[in-house]
Amino acid sequence: MVAKFWLEPVVLARAGGFSRLELNTIAKLVEAHRDEFLESWNEFFGR
């Protein structure tokens, strides 16, 4: 199973194996933690 989300804005890029309900739940989690994901990404890549 896979789900790829863009973070700016939060949008599902591609998915496979998840139900629509599961994808909605994952999307809400990504949205709730978006700032943390971006901060970690920027720290890792030195931006």
PDB file of N, CA and C in Angstrom:
ATOM      1  N   MET A   1       0.850  -1.176   0.000  1.00  0.00           N
ATOM      2  CA  MET A   1       0.000   0.000   0.000  1.00  0.00           C
ATOM      3  C   MET A   1       0.890   1.231   0.000  1.00  0.00           C
ATOM      4  N   VAL A   2       0.426   2.269  -0.686  1.00  0.00           N
ATOM      5  CA  VAL A   2       1.201   3.495  -0.788  1.00  0.00           C
ATOM      6  C   VAL A   2       0.258   4.693  -0.866  1.00  0.00           C
ATOM      7  N   ALA A   3       0.697   5.792  -0.281  1.00  0.00           N
ATOM      8  CA  ALA A   3      -0.023   7.061  -0.420  1.00  0.00           C
ATOM      9  C   ALA A   3       1.030   8.165  -0.403  1.00  0.00           C
ATOM     10  N   LYS A   4       1.054   8.960  -1.458  1.00  0.00           N
ATOM     11  CA  LYS A   4       1.999  10.070  -1.562  1.00  0.00           C
ATOM     12  C   LYS A   4       1.206  11.366  -1.552  1.00  0.00           C
ATOM     13  N   PHE A   5       1.601  12.269  -0.657  1.00  0.00           N
ATOM     14  CA  PHE A   5       0.931  13.558  -0.542  1.00  0.00           C
ATOM     15  C   PHE A   5       1.923  14.670  -0.798  1.00  0.00           C
ATOM     16  N   TRP A   6       1.497  15.691  -1.534  1.00  0.00           N
ATOM     17  CA  TRP A   6       2.232  16.945  -1.627  1.00  0.00           C
ATOM     18  C   TRP A   6       1.854  17.750  -0.393  1.00  0.00           C
ATOM     19  N   LEU A   7       2.786  18.558   0.097  1.00  0.00           N
ATOM     20  CA  LEU A   7       2.548  19.287   1.339  1.00  0.00           C
ATOM     21  C   LEU A   7       2.176  20.745   1.133  1.00  0.00           C
ATOM     22  N   GLU A   8       2.438  21.299  -0.038  1.00  0.00           N
ATOM     23  CA  GLU A   8       2.116  22.707  -0.306  1.00  0.00           C
ATOM     24  C   GLU A   8       1.361  22.823  -1.613  1.00  0.00           C
ATOM     25  N   PRO A   9       0.064  22.805  -1.614  1.00  0.00           N
ATOM     26  CA  PRO A   9      -0.865  22.482  -0.522  1.00  0.00           C
ATOM     27  C   PRO A   9      -0.949  20.969  -0.329  1.00  0.00           C
ATOM     28  N   VAL A  10      -1.602  20.555   0.739  1.00  0.00           N
ATOM     29  CA  VAL A  10      -1.763  19.126   0.996  1.00  0.00           C
ATOM     30  C   VAL A  10      -2.738  18.559  -0.037  1.00  0.00           C
ATOM     31  N   VAL A  11      -2.182  17.710  -0.907  1.00  0.00           N
ATOM     32  CA  VAL A  11      -2.955  17.100  -1.988  1.00  0.00           C
ATOM     33  C   VAL A  11      -2.442  15.680  -2.188  1.00  0.00           C
ATOM     34  N   LEU A  12      -3.342  14.762  -2.380  1.00  0.00           N
ATOM     35  CA  LEU A  12      -2.955  13.391  -2.670  1.00  0.00           C
ATOM     36  C   LEU A  12      -2.354  13.328  -4.068  1.00  0.00           C
ATOM     37  N   ALA A  13      -1.113  12.856  -4.176  1.00  0.00           N
ATOM     38  CA  ALA A  13      -0.443  12.737  -5.468  1.00  0.00           C
ATOM     39  C   ALA A  13      -0.737  11.387  -6.113  1.00  0.00           C
ATOM     40  N   ARG A  14      -0.644  10.323  -5.337  1.00  0.00           N
ATOM     41  CA  ARG A  14      -0.978   8.992  -5.840  1.00  0.00           C
ATOM     42  C   ARG A  14      -1.212   8.062  -4.669  1.00  0.00           C
ATOM     43  N   ALA A  15      -1.948   7.010  -4.925  1.00  0.00           N
ATOM     44  CA  ALA A  15      -2.241   6.050  -3.863  1.00  0.00           C
ATOM     45  C   ALA A  15      -2.557   4.698  -4.476  1.00  0.00           C
ATOM     46  N   GLY A  16      -2.336   3.680  -3.689  1.00  0.00           N
ATOM     47  CA  GLY A  16      -2.691   2.332  -4.099  1.00  0.00           C
ATOM     48  C   GLY A  16      -2.884   1.451  -2.885  1.00  0.00           C
ATOM     49  N   GLY A  17      -3.987   0.747  -2.856  1.00  0.00           N
ATOM     50  CA  GLY A  17      -4.233  -0.224  -1.801  1.00  0.00           C
ATOM     51  C   GLY A  17      -5.033   0.259  -0.613  1.00  0.00           C
ATOM     52  N   PHE A  18      -5.223   1.586  -0.501  1.00  0.00           N
ATOM     53  CA  PHE A  18      -6.007   2.131   0.606  1.00  0.00           C
ATOM     54  C   PHE A  18      -7.444   2.380   0.162  1.00  0.00           C
ATOM     55  N   SER A  19      -8.370   2.212   1.088  1.00  0.00           N
ATOM     56  CA  SER A  19      -9.767   2.552   0.801  1.00  0.00           C
ATOM     57  C   SER A  19      -9.920   4.072   0.846  1.00  0.00           C
ATOM     58  N   ARG A  20     -11.018   4.565   0.321  1.00  0.00           N
ATOM     59  CA  ARG A  20     -11.292   6.008   0.348  1.00  0.00           C
ATOM     60  C   ARG A  20     -11.349   6.504   1.795  1.00  0.00           C
ATOM     61  N   LEU A  21     -11.944   5.740   2.687  1.00  0.00           N
ATOM     62  CA  LEU A  21     -12.013   6.109   4.107  1.00  0.00           C
ATOM     63  C   LEU A  21     -10.614   6.214   4.715  1.00  0.00           C
ATOM     64  N   GLU A  22      -9.754   5.239   4.410  1.00  0.00           N
ATOM     65  CA  GLU A  22      -8.383   5.278   4.919  1.00  0.00           C
ATOM     66  C   GLU A  22      -7.628   6.492   4.373  1.00  0.00           C
ATOM     67  N   LEU A  23      -7.803   6.788   3.082  1.00  0.00           N
ATOM     68  CA  LEU A  23      -7.126   7.947   2.491  1.00  0.00           C
ATOM     69  C   LEU A  23      -7.594   9.254   3.118  1.00  0.00           C
ATOM     70  N   ASN A  24      -8.875   9.344   3.426  1.00  0.00           N
ATOM     71  CA  ASN A  24      -9.383  10.547   4.098  1.00  0.00           C
ATOM     72  C   ASN A  24      -8.765  10.693   5.491  1.00  0.00           C
ATOM     73  N   THR A  25      -8.632   9.597   6.204  1.00  0.00           N
ATOM     74  CA  THR A  25      -8.011   9.625   7.528  1.00  0.00           C
ATOM     75  C   THR A  25      -6.543  10.032   7.427  1.00  0.00           C
ATOM     76  N   ILE A  26      -5.837   9.454   6.476  1.00  0.00           N
ATOM     77  CA  ILE A  26      -4.424   9.792   6.267  1.00  0.00           C
ATOM     78  C   ILE A  26      -4.285  11.260   5.886  1.00  0.00           C
ATOM     79  N   ALA A  27      -5.141  11.752   5.004  1.00  0.00           N
ATOM     80  CA  ALA A  27      -5.093  13.156   4.576  1.00  0.00           C
ATOM     81  C   ALA A  27      -5.269  14.096   5.772  1.00  0.00           C
ATOM     82  N   LYS A  28      -6.169  13.760   6.668  1.00  0.00           N
ATOM     83  CA  LYS A  28      -6.378  14.586   7.862  1.00  0.00           C
ATOM     84  C   LYS A  28      -5.135  14.592   8.749  1.00  0.00           C
ATOM     85  N   LEU A  29      -4.474  13.450   8.863  1.00  0.00           N
ATOM     86  CA  LEU A  29      -3.244  13.362   9.653  1.00  0.00           C
ATOM     87  C   LEU A  29      -2.124  14.173   9.004  1.00  0.00           C
ATOM     88  N   VAL A  30      -2.007  14.074   7.688  1.00  0.00           N
ATOM     89  CA  VAL A  30      -0.983  14.845   6.972  1.00  0.00           C
ATOM     90  C   VAL A  30      -1.238  16.340   7.163  1.00  0.00           C
ATOM     91  N   GLU A  31      -2.480  16.752   7.021  1.00  0.00           N
ATOM     92  CA  GLU A  31      -2.825  18.166   7.204  1.00  0.00           C
ATOM     93  C   GLU A  31      -2.505  18.627   8.627  1.00  0.00           C
ATOM     94  N   ALA A  32      -2.823  17.801   9.613  1.00  0.00           N
ATOM     95  CA  ALA A  32      -2.593  18.167  11.013  1.00  0.00           C
ATOM     96  C   ALA A  32      -1.106  18.293  11.342  1.00  0.00           C
ATOM     97  N   HIS A  33      -0.260  17.539  10.638  1.00  0.00           N
ATOM     98  CA  HIS A  33       1.172  17.519  10.942  1.00  0.00           C
ATOM     99  C   HIS A  33       2.018  18.128   9.824  1.00  0.00           C
ATOM    100  N   ARG A  34       1.384  18.826   8.908  1.00  0.00           N
ATOM    101  CA  ARG A  34       2.050  19.407   7.745  1.00  0.00           C
ATOM    102  C   ARG A  34       3.254  20.255   8.120  1.00  0.00           C
ATOM    103  N   ASP A  35       3.092  21.144   9.067  1.00  0.00           N
ATOM    104  CA  ASP A  35       4.186  22.038   9.467  1.00  0.00           C
ATOM    105  C   ASP A  35       5.385  21.254  10.006  1.00  0.00           C
ATOM    106  N   GLU A  36       5.111  20.214  10.767  1.00  0.00           N
ATOM    107  CA  GLU A  36       6.196  19.381  11.296  1.00  0.00           C
ATOM    108  C   GLU A  36       6.930  18.660  10.174  1.00  0.00           C
ATOM    109  N   PHE A  37       6.167  18.144   9.203  1.00  0.00           N
ATOM    110  CA  PHE A  37       6.791  17.466   8.063  1.00  0.00           C
ATOM    111  C   PHE A  37       7.676  18.430   7.278  1.00  0.00           C
ATOM    112  N   LEU A  38       7.168  19.627   7.018  1.00  0.00           N
ATOM    113  CA  LEU A  38       7.941  20.613   6.268  1.00  0.00           C
ATOM    114  C   LEU A  38       9.194  21.041   7.028  1.00  0.00           C
ATOM    115  N   GLU A  39       9.068  21.235   8.327  1.00  0.00           N
ATOM    116  CA  GLU A  39      10.220  21.619   9.137  1.00  0.00           C
ATOM    117  C   GLU A  39      11.295  20.534   9.095  1.00  0.00           C
ATOM    118  N   SER A  40      10.899  19.287   9.249  1.00  0.00           N
ATOM    119  CA  SER A  40      11.858  18.183   9.202  1.00  0.00           C
ATOM    120  C   SER A  40      12.498  18.074   7.825  1.00  0.00           C
ATOM    121  N   TRP A  41      11.709  18.226   6.786  1.00  0.00           N
ATOM    122  CA  TRP A  41      12.222  18.171   5.411  1.00  0.00           C
ATOM    123  C   TRP A  41      13.265  19.269   5.194  1.00  0.00           C
ATOM    124  N   ASN A  42      12.934  20.482   5.614  1.00  0.00           N
ATOM    125  CA  ASN A  42      13.841  21.601   5.423  1.00  0.00           C
ATOM    126  C   ASN A  42      15.122  21.455   6.257  1.00  0.00           C
ATOM    127  N   GLU A  43      15.007  20.931   7.456  1.00  0.00           N
ATOM    128  CA  GLU A  43      16.196  20.690   8.285  1.00  0.00           C
ATOM    129  C   GLU A  43      17.096  19.650   7.634  1.00  0.00           C
ATOM    130  N   PHE A  44      16.506  18.589   7.108  1.00  0.00           N
ATOM    131  CA  PHE A  44      17.281  17.521   6.499  1.00  0.00           C
ATOM    132  C   PHE A  44      18.027  18.014   5.265  1.00  0.00           C
ATOM    133  N   PHE A  45      17.356  18.832   4.446  1.00  0.00           N
ATOM    134  CA  PHE A  45      17.959  19.303   3.201  1.00  0.00           C
ATOM    135  C   PHE A  45      18.620  20.669   3.338  1.00  0.00           C
ATOM    136  N   GLY A  46      18.699  21.212   4.554  1.00  0.00           N
ATOM    137  CA  GLY A  46      19.403  22.455   4.809  1.00  0.00           C
ATOM    138  C   GLY A  46      18.788  23.672   4.162  1.00  0.00           C
ATOM    139  N   ARG A  47      17.481  23.732   4.147  1.00  0.00           N
ATOM    140  CA  ARG A  47      16.790  24.884   3.548  1.00  0.00           C
ATOM    141  C   ARG A  47      16.272  25.802   4.600  1.00  0.00           C
TER     142      ARG A  47
END
